[in-house]
Protein backbone atom coordinates (compact mmCIF):
# COMPACT_ATOMS: atom_id res chain seq x y z
CA UNK A 1 83.40 81.85 94.98
CA UNK A 2 85.14 83.24 92.00
CA UNK A 3 88.60 85.10 93.76
CA UNK A 4 91.32 86.91 92.25
CA UNK A 5 94.36 86.78 93.89
CA UNK A 6 96.93 89.58 93.56
CA UNK A 7 100.79 88.65 93.59
CA UNK A 8 101.06 90.32 96.99
CA UNK A 9 98.38 87.86 98.07
CA UNK A 10 99.26 85.11 96.23
CA UNK A 11 102.91 84.91 97.19
CA UNK A 12 101.61 84.41 100.77
CA UNK A 13 100.61 80.97 99.67
CA UNK A 14 103.95 80.05 98.63
CA UNK A 15 106.28 81.45 101.59
CA UNK A 16 105.91 81.25 105.27
CA UNK A 17 105.12 84.86 106.18
CA UNK A 18 102.21 87.05 107.67
CA UNK A 19 98.83 86.12 106.19
CA UNK A 20 99.45 82.89 104.84
CA UNK A 21 97.10 80.61 106.94
CA UNK A 22 94.27 83.58 105.27
CA UNK A 23 95.53 82.90 102.15
CA UNK A 24 95.73 79.09 102.29
CA UNK A 25 92.13 79.14 103.69
CA UNK A 26 90.52 81.44 100.70
CA UNK A 27 92.64 79.07 98.18
CA UNK A 28 90.59 76.35 99.59
CA UNK A 29 87.21 78.21 99.13
CA UNK A 30 88.27 80.04 95.38
CA UNK A 31 86.28 78.04 92.77
CA UNK A 32 87.91 79.04 90.33
CA UNK A 33 91.08 80.92 91.55
CA UNK A 34 91.88 83.49 89.22
CA UNK A 35 94.79 85.72 88.32
CA UNK A 36 95.92 88.10 86.09
CA UNK A 37 97.98 87.49 82.86
CA UNK A 38 101.30 88.85 84.41
CA UNK A 39 100.68 87.41 87.99
CA UNK A 40 103.10 84.40 87.62
CA UNK A 41 105.76 86.37 86.25
CA UNK A 42 105.80 88.60 89.29
CA UNK A 43 105.84 85.81 91.68
CA UNK A 44 108.78 84.63 90.12
CA UNK A 45 110.37 88.08 90.06
CA UNK A 46 109.36 88.53 93.79
CA UNK A 47 111.50 85.31 94.61
CA UNK A 48 114.49 86.20 92.68
CA UNK A 49 114.33 89.75 94.59
CA UNK A 50 114.08 87.35 97.82
CA UNK A 51 117.39 85.17 96.87
CA UNK A 52 119.15 88.44 95.89
CA UNK A 53 118.06 90.10 99.43
CA UNK A 54 119.42 86.56 101.18
CA UNK A 55 115.90 86.05 102.49
CA UNK A 56 115.20 82.72 100.79
CA UNK A 57 118.01 80.40 99.78
CA UNK A 58 118.76 78.77 96.29
CA UNK A 59 117.32 75.65 97.06
CA UNK A 60 114.13 77.10 98.58
CA UNK A 61 114.18 79.10 95.09
CA UNK A 62 113.94 76.15 93.04
CA UNK A 63 111.50 74.16 94.98
CA UNK A 64 109.19 77.29 95.21
CA UNK A 65 109.51 77.86 91.56
CA UNK A 66 108.66 74.54 90.79
CA UNK A 67 105.38 74.61 93.24
CA UNK A 68 104.41 77.79 91.40
CA UNK A 69 104.47 76.17 87.94
CA UNK A 70 102.54 73.34 89.43
CA UNK A 71 99.70 75.17 90.91
CA UNK A 72 99.36 77.57 88.45
CA UNK A 73 97.70 74.66 86.07
CA UNK A 74 95.06 75.16 88.51
CA UNK A 75 94.68 78.75 88.08
CA UNK A 76 92.56 80.53 85.44
CA UNK A 77 94.63 83.31 83.85
CA UNK A 78 92.75 86.37 82.93
CA UNK A 79 93.91 86.63 79.11
CA UNK A 80 95.40 90.16 77.77
CA UNK A 81 93.05 92.00 75.87
CA UNK A 82 91.92 95.28 74.90
CA UNK A 83 89.49 95.30 77.30
CA UNK A 84 91.41 94.36 80.10
CA UNK A 85 93.44 97.22 79.33
CA UNK A 86 90.81 99.65 78.79
CA UNK A 87 89.81 98.52 82.54
CA UNK A 88 93.15 98.75 83.52
CA UNK A 89 93.59 102.10 82.66
CA UNK A 90 90.28 103.09 84.34
CA UNK A 91 91.81 101.80 87.16
CA UNK A 92 94.52 104.28 87.29
CA UNK A 93 91.97 107.05 87.38
CA UNK A 94 90.37 105.85 90.53
CA UNK A 95 93.54 105.35 92.72
CA UNK A 96 97.46 106.21 92.37
CA UNK A 97 98.46 102.64 90.96
CA UNK A 98 101.29 101.11 89.30
CA UNK A 99 100.63 99.64 86.00
CA UNK A 100 101.04 96.26 86.92
CA UNK A 101 99.13 96.95 90.05
CA UNK A 102 96.04 98.48 87.91
CA UNK A 103 96.13 95.15 85.73
CA UNK A 104 95.26 92.75 88.84
CA UNK A 105 92.22 95.05 89.65
CA UNK A 106 91.17 95.00 85.91
CA UNK A 107 91.76 91.17 85.86
CA UNK A 108 89.25 91.12 88.84
CA UNK A 109 86.68 93.52 87.23
CA UNK A 110 86.93 91.55 83.75
CA UNK A 111 86.83 88.17 85.85
CA UNK A 112 83.56 89.21 87.57
CA UNK A 113 85.04 88.13 90.72
CA UNK A 114 83.43 87.75 93.88
CA UNK A 115 86.23 88.55 95.83
CA UNK A 116 89.56 90.31 95.36
CA UNK A 117 92.38 89.59 97.50
CA UNK A 118 95.37 91.45 98.09
CA UNK A 119 98.05 92.38 100.63
CA UNK A 120 98.46 95.72 99.26
CA UNK A 121 96.64 98.63 100.43
CA UNK A 122 96.53 100.75 97.48
CA UNK A 123 95.17 98.18 95.36
CA UNK A 124 92.57 97.48 97.99
CA UNK A 125 91.40 101.12 97.62
CA UNK A 126 91.29 100.95 93.88
CA UNK A 127 89.41 97.60 93.97
CA UNK A 128 87.01 98.94 96.07
CA UNK A 129 86.61 102.06 93.96
CA UNK A 130 86.05 99.97 90.97
CA UNK A 131 83.05 98.08 92.81
CA UNK A 132 85.07 95.18 94.11
CA UNK A 133 84.30 92.85 96.91
CA UNK A 134 87.96 93.49 98.22
CA UNK A 135 89.89 91.27 100.96
CA UNK A 136 92.73 93.23 102.18
CA UNK A 137 95.24 91.23 104.29
CA UNK A 138 97.64 92.99 106.40
């Protein structure tokens, strides 16, 4: 089953937080696991923010950075194309999204995903409005 994970969902793969077990189970079923072109960058950004907020130690940060790099060798990253950009712009017209969130939805549409996985309520609504089967993780 082709699954697209946004950053809010995929971060749960790497950190012990609510919803982690559900994400790990979904990742096991994903074939392939797909991500938007900016997802890995957002994961690293989220980790840097957690270090600044003292939620993650510097050693945990490095270990998680390394794990992200290793695991992304098995992720199909959607390329940034004019079509992806047009689809993201269309997603902005159906829901109040930030640009980067619209790219996640557009990546799922472009990849013809069987399932879009997110922990972001607005992205879930936008994905459904764009016709995507969506798993919202609370």
